[in-house]
C-alpha atoms as a PDB file:
ATOM      1  CA  UNK A   1      88.338  68.762  88.231  1.00  0.00           C
ATOM      2  CA  UNK A   2      88.129  71.856  90.222  1.00  0.00           C
ATOM      3  CA  UNK A   3      84.610  73.804  90.261  1.00  0.00           C
ATOM      4  CA  UNK A   4      85.016  76.983  88.519  1.00  0.00           C
ATOM      5  CA  UNK A   5      82.697  79.641  90.030  1.00  0.00           C
ATOM      6  CA  UNK A   6      83.635  82.644  87.967  1.00  0.00           C
ATOM      7  CA  UNK A   7      85.912  83.269  84.900  1.00  0.00           C
ATOM      8  CA  UNK A   8      86.829  85.992  82.622  1.00  0.00           C
ATOM      9  CA  UNK A   9      89.999  87.574  80.747  1.00  0.00           C
ATOM     10  CA  UNK A  10      91.339  88.659  84.185  1.00  0.00           C
ATOM     11  CA  UNK A  11      90.191  86.591  87.220  1.00  0.00           C
ATOM     12  CA  UNK A  12      89.214  82.994  87.874  1.00  0.00           C
ATOM     13  CA  UNK A  13      87.550  81.601  91.201  1.00  0.00           C
ATOM     14  CA  UNK A  14      87.393  78.226  92.213  1.00  0.00           C
ATOM     15  CA  UNK A  15      85.274  76.167  94.877  1.00  0.00           C
ATOM     16  CA  UNK A  16      88.311  74.869  96.769  1.00  0.00           C
ATOM     17  CA  UNK A  17      87.607  71.436  98.563  1.00  0.00           C
ATOM     18  CA  UNK A  18      88.479  70.966 101.986  1.00  0.00           C
ATOM     19  CA  UNK A  19      91.665  69.295 102.319  1.00  0.00           C
ATOM     20  CA  UNK A  20      93.307  70.694  99.371  1.00  0.00           C
ATOM     21  CA  UNK A  21      96.246  73.124 100.069  1.00  0.00           C
ATOM     22  CA  UNK A  22      96.632  76.331  97.972  1.00  0.00           C
ATOM     23  CA  UNK A  23     100.349  76.083  97.038  1.00  0.00           C
ATOM     24  CA  UNK A  24     103.224  73.927  98.458  1.00  0.00           C
ATOM     25  CA  UNK A  25     103.828  74.282 102.138  1.00  0.00           C
ATOM     26  CA  UNK A  26     106.351  72.937 104.750  1.00  0.00           C
ATOM     27  CA  UNK A  27     103.487  72.261 106.881  1.00  0.00           C
ATOM     28  CA  UNK A  28     102.450  69.207 104.690  1.00  0.00           C
ATOM     29  CA  UNK A  29     105.668  68.120 102.685  1.00  0.00           C
ATOM     30  CA  UNK A  30     103.869  64.884 101.750  1.00  0.00           C
ATOM     31  CA  UNK A  31     101.175  66.585  99.733  1.00  0.00           C
ATOM     32  CA  UNK A  32     101.569  66.444  95.949  1.00  0.00           C
ATOM     33  CA  UNK A  33      98.333  68.294  94.937  1.00  0.00           C
ATOM     34  CA  UNK A  34      97.850  71.994  95.136  1.00  0.00           C
ATOM     35  CA  UNK A  35      95.152  74.402  93.898  1.00  0.00           C
ATOM     36  CA  UNK A  36      97.506  76.325  92.033  1.00  0.00           C
ATOM     37  CA  UNK A  37      98.808  73.646  90.127  1.00  0.00           C
ATOM     38  CA  UNK A  38      95.776  71.746  89.595  1.00  0.00           C
ATOM     39  CA  UNK A  39      94.201  75.116  88.222  1.00  0.00           C
ATOM     40  CA  UNK A  40      96.993  75.847  85.919  1.00  0.00           C
ATOM     41  CA  UNK A  41      96.665  72.513  84.512  1.00  0.00           C
ATOM     42  CA  UNK A  42      93.067  72.745  84.175  1.00  0.00           C
ATOM     43  CA  UNK A  43      92.747  75.731  82.387  1.00  0.00           C
ATOM     44  CA  UNK A  44      96.091  75.608  80.655  1.00  0.00           C
ATOM     45  CA  UNK A  45      97.221  79.158  81.950  1.00  0.00           C
ATOM     46  CA  UNK A  46      99.419  80.358  84.609  1.00  0.00           C
ATOM     47  CA  UNK A  47      97.414  81.811  87.607  1.00  0.00           C
ATOM     48  CA  UNK A  48      98.421  83.984  90.467  1.00  0.00           C
ATOM     49  CA  UNK A  49      96.741  83.217  93.927  1.00  0.00           C
ATOM     50  CA  UNK A  50      94.992  86.517  95.356  1.00  0.00           C
ATOM     51  CA  UNK A  51      94.506  85.157  98.896  1.00  0.00           C
ATOM     52  CA  UNK A  52      94.905  82.104 100.954  1.00  0.00           C
ATOM     53  CA  UNK A  53      92.460  79.427 102.621  1.00  0.00           C
ATOM     54  CA  UNK A  54      93.752  77.177 105.227  1.00  0.00           C
ATOM     55  CA  UNK A  55      94.012  73.487 103.953  1.00  0.00           C
ATOM     56  CA  UNK A  56      90.743  72.473 105.962  1.00  0.00           C
ATOM     57  CA  UNK A  57      88.690  75.516 104.756  1.00  0.00           C
ATOM     58  CA  UNK A  58      86.598  75.142 101.677  1.00  0.00           C
ATOM     59  CA  UNK A  59      84.991  77.672  99.548  1.00  0.00           C
ATOM     60  CA  UNK A  60      85.749  80.806  97.202  1.00  0.00           C
ATOM     61  CA  UNK A  61      89.442  81.063  96.255  1.00  0.00           C
ATOM     62  CA  UNK A  62      90.377  83.544  93.742  1.00  0.00           C
ATOM     63  CA  UNK A  63      93.304  83.956  91.238  1.00  0.00           C
ATOM     64  CA  UNK A  64      94.376  86.559  88.761  1.00  0.00           C
ATOM     65  CA  UNK A  65      95.232  85.545  85.113  1.00  0.00           C
ATOM     66  CA  UNK A  66      97.913  88.205  84.490  1.00  0.00           C
ATOM     67  CA  UNK A  67     100.140  90.536  86.619  1.00  0.00           C
ATOM     68  CA  UNK A  68      98.108  93.914  86.149  1.00  0.00           C
ATOM     69  CA  UNK A  69      94.956  92.204  87.741  1.00  0.00           C
ATOM     70  CA  UNK A  70      97.054  90.596  90.331  1.00  0.00           C
ATOM     71  CA  UNK A  71      98.413  93.740  91.370  1.00  0.00           C
ATOM     72  CA  UNK A  72      95.040  95.628  91.414  1.00  0.00           C
ATOM     73  CA  UNK A  73      93.208  93.168  93.305  1.00  0.00           C
ATOM     74  CA  UNK A  74      96.063  92.154  95.485  1.00  0.00           C
ATOM     75  CA  UNK A  75      96.052  95.800  96.577  1.00  0.00           C
ATOM     76  CA  UNK A  76      92.400  95.676  97.612  1.00  0.00           C
ATOM     77  CA  UNK A  77      93.279  92.536  99.775  1.00  0.00           C
ATOM     78  CA  UNK A  78      96.003  94.258 101.285  1.00  0.00           C
ATOM     79  CA  UNK A  79      94.126  97.331 102.113  1.00  0.00           C
ATOM     80  CA  UNK A  80      91.156  95.050 103.374  1.00  0.00           C
ATOM     81  CA  UNK A  81      88.822  96.356 100.827  1.00  0.00           C
ATOM     82  CA  UNK A  82      87.515  92.992  99.959  1.00  0.00           C
ATOM     83  CA  UNK A  83      84.198  91.757 101.534  1.00  0.00           C
ATOM     84  CA  UNK A  84      84.856  88.235 102.946  1.00  0.00           C
ATOM     85  CA  UNK A  85      81.830  85.979 104.349  1.00  0.00           C
ATOM     86  CA  UNK A  86      82.372  82.613 105.991  1.00  0.00           C
ATOM     87  CA  UNK A  87      80.017  80.125 107.641  1.00  0.00           C
ATOM     88  CA  UNK A  88      81.473  78.103 110.723  1.00  0.00           C
ATOM     89  CA  UNK A  89      79.906  75.810 113.186  1.00  0.00           C
ATOM     90  CA  UNK A  90      81.264  76.638 116.709  1.00  0.00           C
ATOM     91  CA  UNK A  91      81.236  75.078 120.239  1.00  0.00           C
ATOM     92  CA  UNK A  92      78.821  77.013 122.632  1.00  0.00           C
ATOM     93  CA  UNK A  93      76.495  79.702 122.033  1.00  0.00           C
ATOM     94  CA  UNK A  94      78.357  83.126 121.202  1.00  0.00           C
ATOM     95  CA  UNK A  95      76.302  86.393 121.579  1.00  0.00           C
ATOM     96  CA  UNK A  96      73.934  87.385 118.770  1.00  0.00           C
ATOM     97  CA  UNK A  97      76.457  89.572 117.066  1.00  0.00           C
ATOM     98  CA  UNK A  98      79.707  91.136 117.866  1.00  0.00           C
ATOM     99  CA  UNK A  99      83.225  92.132 116.820  1.00  0.00           C
ATOM    100  CA  UNK A 100      86.482  90.422 117.867  1.00  0.00           C
ATOM    101  CA  UNK A 101      89.383  93.133 117.973  1.00  0.00           C
ATOM    102  CA  UNK A 102      92.376  91.253 118.991  1.00  0.00           C
ATOM    103  CA  UNK A 103      95.703  91.757 117.459  1.00  0.00           C
ATOM    104  CA  UNK A 104      97.253  88.480 115.936  1.00  0.00           C
ATOM    105  CA  UNK A 105     101.074  87.824 115.379  1.00  0.00           C
ATOM    106  CA  UNK A 106     102.410  86.228 112.367  1.00  0.00           C
ATOM    107  CA  UNK A 107     103.287  82.513 113.346  1.00  0.00           C
ATOM    108  CA  UNK A 108     104.632  80.943 109.770  1.00  0.00           C
ATOM    109  CA  UNK A 109     106.120  82.271 106.639  1.00  0.00           C
ATOM    110  CA  UNK A 110     104.515  81.706 103.441  1.00  0.00           C
ATOM    111  CA  UNK A 111     105.625  78.328 103.210  1.00  0.00           C
ATOM    112  CA  UNK A 112     104.487  77.296 106.479  1.00  0.00           C
ATOM    113  CA  UNK A 113     107.789  77.398 108.352  1.00  0.00           C
ATOM    114  CA  UNK A 114     107.648  78.445 112.119  1.00  0.00           C
ATOM    115  CA  UNK A 115     109.231  82.073 112.513  1.00  0.00           C
ATOM    116  CA  UNK A 116     111.949  82.284 114.934  1.00  0.00           C
ATOM    117  CA  UNK A 117     111.255  84.293 118.274  1.00  0.00           C
ATOM    118  CA  UNK A 118     113.795  87.013 116.834  1.00  0.00           C
ATOM    119  CA  UNK A 119     111.617  87.819 114.031  1.00  0.00           C
ATOM    120  CA  UNK A 120     108.644  88.461 116.063  1.00  0.00           C
ATOM    121  CA  UNK A 121     107.419  92.280 115.759  1.00  0.00           C
ATOM    122  CA  UNK A 122     104.334  93.992 117.494  1.00  0.00           C
ATOM    123  CA  UNK A 123     101.073  92.067 116.689  1.00  0.00           C
ATOM    124  CA  UNK A 124      99.187  93.854 113.834  1.00  0.00           C
ATOM    125  CA  UNK A 125      95.410  94.788 114.307  1.00  0.00           C
ATOM    126  CA  UNK A 126      92.966  91.752 113.595  1.00  0.00           C
ATOM    127  CA  UNK A 127      89.135  92.294 113.508  1.00  0.00           C
ATOM    128  CA  UNK A 128      86.184  90.084 112.791  1.00  0.00           C
ATOM    129  CA  UNK A 129      82.764  90.582 112.827  1.00  0.00           C
ATOM    130  CA  UNK A 130      80.366  87.787 113.544  1.00  0.00           C
ATOM    131  CA  UNK A 131      76.768  87.067 113.532  1.00  0.00           C
ATOM    132  CA  UNK A 132      75.056  84.131 115.079  1.00  0.00           C
ATOM    133  CA  UNK A 133      72.450  82.417 112.804  1.00  0.00           C
ATOM    134  CA  UNK A 134      71.514  79.397 114.593  1.00  0.00           C
ATOM    135  CA  UNK A 135      71.881  77.196 117.888  1.00  0.00           C
ATOM    136  CA  UNK A 136      71.281  73.846 118.850  1.00  0.00           C
ATOM    137  CA  UNK A 137      71.590  71.772 122.282  1.00  0.00           C
ATOM    138  CA  UNK A 138      72.180  68.218 122.171  1.00  0.00           C
ATOM    139  CA  UNK A 139      71.392  65.822 124.871  1.00  0.00           C
ATOM    140  CA  UNK A 140      74.905  64.499 124.751  1.00  0.00           C
ATOM    141  CA  UNK A 141      77.414  64.909 127.592  1.00  0.00           C
ATOM    142  CA  UNK A 142      80.530  65.652 125.558  1.00  0.00           C
ATOM    143  CA  UNK A 143      82.615  67.732 128.003  1.00  0.00           C
ATOM    144  CA  UNK A 144      81.670  68.456 131.551  1.00  0.00           C
ATOM    145  CA  UNK A 145      78.097  69.477 131.108  1.00  0.00           C
ATOM    146  CA  UNK A 146      75.151  67.154 130.636  1.00  0.00           C
ATOM    147  CA  UNK A 147      74.406  68.682 127.368  1.00  0.00           C
ATOM    148  CA  UNK A 148      76.234  70.132 124.374  1.00  0.00           C
ATOM    149  CA  UNK A 149      75.777  73.363 122.676  1.00  0.00           C
ATOM    150  CA  UNK A 150      76.652  74.437 119.146  1.00  0.00           C
ATOM    151  CA  UNK A 151      76.115  77.311 116.884  1.00  0.00           C
ATOM    152  CA  UNK A 152      76.205  78.159 113.191  1.00  0.00           C
ATOM    153  CA  UNK A 153      77.937  81.648 112.721  1.00  0.00           C
ATOM    154  CA  UNK A 154      78.586  84.268 110.015  1.00  0.00           C
ATOM    155  CA  UNK A 155      81.999  85.387 109.953  1.00  0.00           C
ATOM    156  CA  UNK A 156      82.943  88.723 108.482  1.00  0.00           C
ATOM    157  CA  UNK A 157      86.967  89.247 108.809  1.00  0.00           C
ATOM    158  CA  UNK A 158      87.774  92.918 108.388  1.00  0.00           C
ATOM    159  CA  UNK A 159      91.503  92.152 108.203  1.00  0.00           C
ATOM    160  CA  UNK A 160      93.529  89.203 106.762  1.00  0.00           C
ATOM    161  CA  UNK A 161      95.757  87.838 109.371  1.00  0.00           C
ATOM    162  CA  UNK A 162      96.929  84.152 109.351  1.00  0.00           C
ATOM    163  CA  UNK A 163      94.550  81.806 110.675  1.00  0.00           C
ATOM    164  CA  UNK A 164      92.695  84.809 111.857  1.00  0.00           C
ATOM    165  CA  UNK A 165      89.017  83.163 112.193  1.00  0.00           C
ATOM    166  CA  UNK A 166      90.164  80.177 113.788  1.00  0.00           C
ATOM    167  CA  UNK A 167      92.298  82.014 116.234  1.00  0.00           C
ATOM    168  CA  UNK A 168      89.806  84.700 116.920  1.00  0.00           C
ATOM    169  CA  UNK A 169      87.115  82.112 117.687  1.00  0.00           C
ATOM    170  CA  UNK A 170      89.233  80.418 119.998  1.00  0.00           C
ATOM    171  CA  UNK A 171      89.991  83.830 121.617  1.00  0.00           C
ATOM    172  CA  UNK A 172      86.295  84.347 122.663  1.00  0.00           C
ATOM    173  CA  UNK A 173      85.944  80.459 123.788  1.00  0.00           C
ATOM    174  CA  UNK A 174      83.929  79.371 120.816  1.00  0.00           C
ATOM    175  CA  UNK A 175      86.264  77.504 118.656  1.00  0.00           C
ATOM    176  CA  UNK A 176      85.358  75.975 115.343  1.00  0.00           C
ATOM    177  CA  UNK A 177      84.442  72.410 115.165  1.00  0.00           C
ATOM    178  CA  UNK A 178      87.031  70.266 113.257  1.00  0.00           C
ATOM    179  CA  UNK A 179      89.958  72.801 114.414  1.00  0.00           C
ATOM    180  CA  UNK A 180      92.798  70.508 115.343  1.00  0.00           C
ATOM    181  CA  UNK A 181      95.124  73.280 116.221  1.00  0.00           C
ATOM    182  CA  UNK A 182      92.748  75.893 118.034  1.00  0.00           C
ATOM    183  CA  UNK A 183      89.976  73.785 118.651  1.00  0.00           C
ATOM    184  CA  UNK A 184      88.845  71.157 121.413  1.00  0.00           C
ATOM    185  CA  UNK A 185      89.595  67.628 120.706  1.00  0.00           C
ATOM    186  CA  UNK A 186      86.706  66.216 122.509  1.00  0.00           C
ATOM    187  CA  UNK A 187      84.215  68.132 120.556  1.00  0.00           C
ATOM    188  CA  UNK A 188      85.969  67.356 117.322  1.00  0.00           C
ATOM    189  CA  UNK A 189      85.727  63.750 117.871  1.00  0.00           C
ATOM    190  CA  UNK A 190      82.196  63.903 118.810  1.00  0.00           C
ATOM    191  CA  UNK A 191      81.310  65.271 115.531  1.00  0.00           C
ATOM    192  CA  UNK A 192      83.476  62.573 113.796  1.00  0.00           C
ATOM    193  CA  UNK A 193      81.564  60.038 115.642  1.00  0.00           C
ATOM    194  CA  UNK A 194      78.386  61.447 115.649  1.00  0.00           C
ATOM    195  CA  UNK A 195      77.871  63.013 112.178  1.00  0.00           C
ATOM    196  CA  UNK A 196      81.012  60.973 110.360  1.00  0.00           C
ATOM    197  CA  UNK A 197      82.201  64.587 110.067  1.00  0.00           C
ATOM    198  CA  UNK A 198      86.145  64.708 109.469  1.00  0.00           C
ATOM    199  CA  UNK A 199      86.870  68.376 108.390  1.00  0.00           C
ATOM    200  CA  UNK A 200      87.129  71.736 109.763  1.00  0.00           C
ATOM    201  CA  UNK A 201      83.628  73.261 109.826  1.00  0.00           C
ATOM    202  CA  UNK A 202      84.673  76.624 108.059  1.00  0.00           C
ATOM    203  CA  UNK A 203      84.144  77.832 104.544  1.00  0.00           C
ATOM    204  CA  UNK A 204      84.476  80.865 102.476  1.00  0.00           C
ATOM    205  CA  UNK A 205      81.001  81.379 101.037  1.00  0.00           C
ATOM    206  CA  UNK A 206      81.292  84.804  99.458  1.00  0.00           C
ATOM    207  CA  UNK A 207      83.813  87.330  98.271  1.00  0.00           C
ATOM    208  CA  UNK A 208      82.986  90.878  97.011  1.00  0.00           C
ATOM    209  CA  UNK A 209      85.606  93.083  95.360  1.00  0.00           C
ATOM    210  CA  UNK A 210      85.894  95.526  92.463  1.00  0.00           C
ATOM    211  CA  UNK A 211      86.814  94.108  89.160  1.00  0.00           C
ATOM    212  CA  UNK A 212      90.423  95.177  88.111  1.00  0.00           C
ATOM    213  CA  UNK A 213      89.414  96.154  84.574  1.00  0.00           C
ATOM    214  CA  UNK A 214      86.461  98.493  84.896  1.00  0.00           C
ATOM    215  CA  UNK A 215      85.915  98.616  88.695  1.00  0.00           C
ATOM    216  CA  UNK A 216      82.478  97.132  88.642  1.00  0.00           C
ATOM    217  CA  UNK A 217      81.359  95.354  92.100  1.00  0.00           C
ATOM    218  CA  UNK A 218      81.643  91.691  91.533  1.00  0.00           C
ATOM    219  CA  UNK A 219      80.384  89.226  94.177  1.00  0.00           C
ATOM    220  CA  UNK A 220      81.352  85.506  93.822  1.00  0.00           C
ATOM    221  CA  UNK A 221      79.624  83.025  95.871  1.00  0.00           C
ATOM    222  CA  UNK A 222      80.182  79.238  96.578  1.00  0.00           C
ATOM    223  CA  UNK A 223      77.761  76.587  97.895  1.00  0.00           C
ATOM    224  CA  UNK A 224      78.566  74.547 100.969  1.00  0.00           C
ATOM    225  CA  UNK A 225      80.311  71.167 100.501  1.00  0.00           C
ATOM    226  CA  UNK A 226      78.244  68.170 100.750  1.00  0.00           C
ATOM    227  CA  UNK A 227      80.096  67.203 104.042  1.00  0.00           C
ATOM    228  CA  UNK A 228      79.354  70.733 105.736  1.00  0.00           C
ATOM    229  CA  UNK A 229      75.888  70.747 104.409  1.00  0.00           C
ATOM    230  CA  UNK A 230      75.085  67.390 105.824  1.00  0.00           C
ATOM    231  CA  UNK A 231      75.947  68.408 109.299  1.00  0.00           C
ATOM    232  CA  UNK A 232      73.969  71.440 109.043  1.00  0.00           C
ATOM    233  CA  UNK A 233      70.967  69.344 108.130  1.00  0.00           C
ATOM    234  CA  UNK A 234      71.700  66.850 110.905  1.00  0.00           C
ATOM    235  CA  UNK A 235      71.420  69.807 113.273  1.00  0.00           C
ATOM    236  CA  UNK A 236      68.038  70.750 112.020  1.00  0.00           C
ATOM    237  CA  UNK A 237      69.414  73.979 110.527  1.00  0.00           C
ATOM    238  CA  UNK A 238      68.310  73.536 106.787  1.00  0.00           C
ATOM    239  CA  UNK A 239      67.137  76.996 105.328  1.00  0.00           C
ATOM    240  CA  UNK A 240      69.129  78.847 107.955  1.00  0.00           C
ATOM    241  CA  UNK A 241      72.000  79.620 105.749  1.00  0.00           C
ATOM    242  CA  UNK A 242      69.908  80.825 102.729  1.00  0.00           C
ATOM    243  CA  UNK A 243      68.685  83.665 105.068  1.00  0.00           C
ATOM    244  CA  UNK A 244      72.095  84.819 105.979  1.00  0.00           C
END
């Protein structure tokens, strides 16, 4: 059963677990479980996904229950009017706060198929705000340094490009731990061995939008999965995320 965070006659939000695809994709052809299908079967209604989370990302995933709401809230996402907040654990210590303004080209279509070079256009703008919440330095030689530094960061994407947060954090040389594509394998393996953590350490913890029916402000939050929370505890950051 999926954990439902919010539901009314127009919207439903779930707490998507890490490892679950939103919908069918050519990237994972062997997968047979998808959030769209599971939620539809669980509540007995057709659902319209309003945004996407990568397979490895957990947290708030929002659906509309009818077409008018899908059109209204979908427009908010397209116009970058939805407030999005994520937590991530990254390699190194980024500055205390900042903005990453780096255009990102679309690499895959909606079904996970690689786009041909001829289909590429000028990369659209992509902007992410970030805030460093906590740091740790471990006495472990993971890479070429005698100790290893990691940070807990809050990420606030202002746009919604493909894999934006993972690509932006790599762009500033602070990749997200557990990212097999844009991360660094030696640090990913260290977290697997040291903390028994086998997931991408990225979670959507809050969405803020206008309700499609009456325009009221709506804020939907999700707790961190146990696997993510356990790493935060192991790094001595209990209590930090509640202050974010």
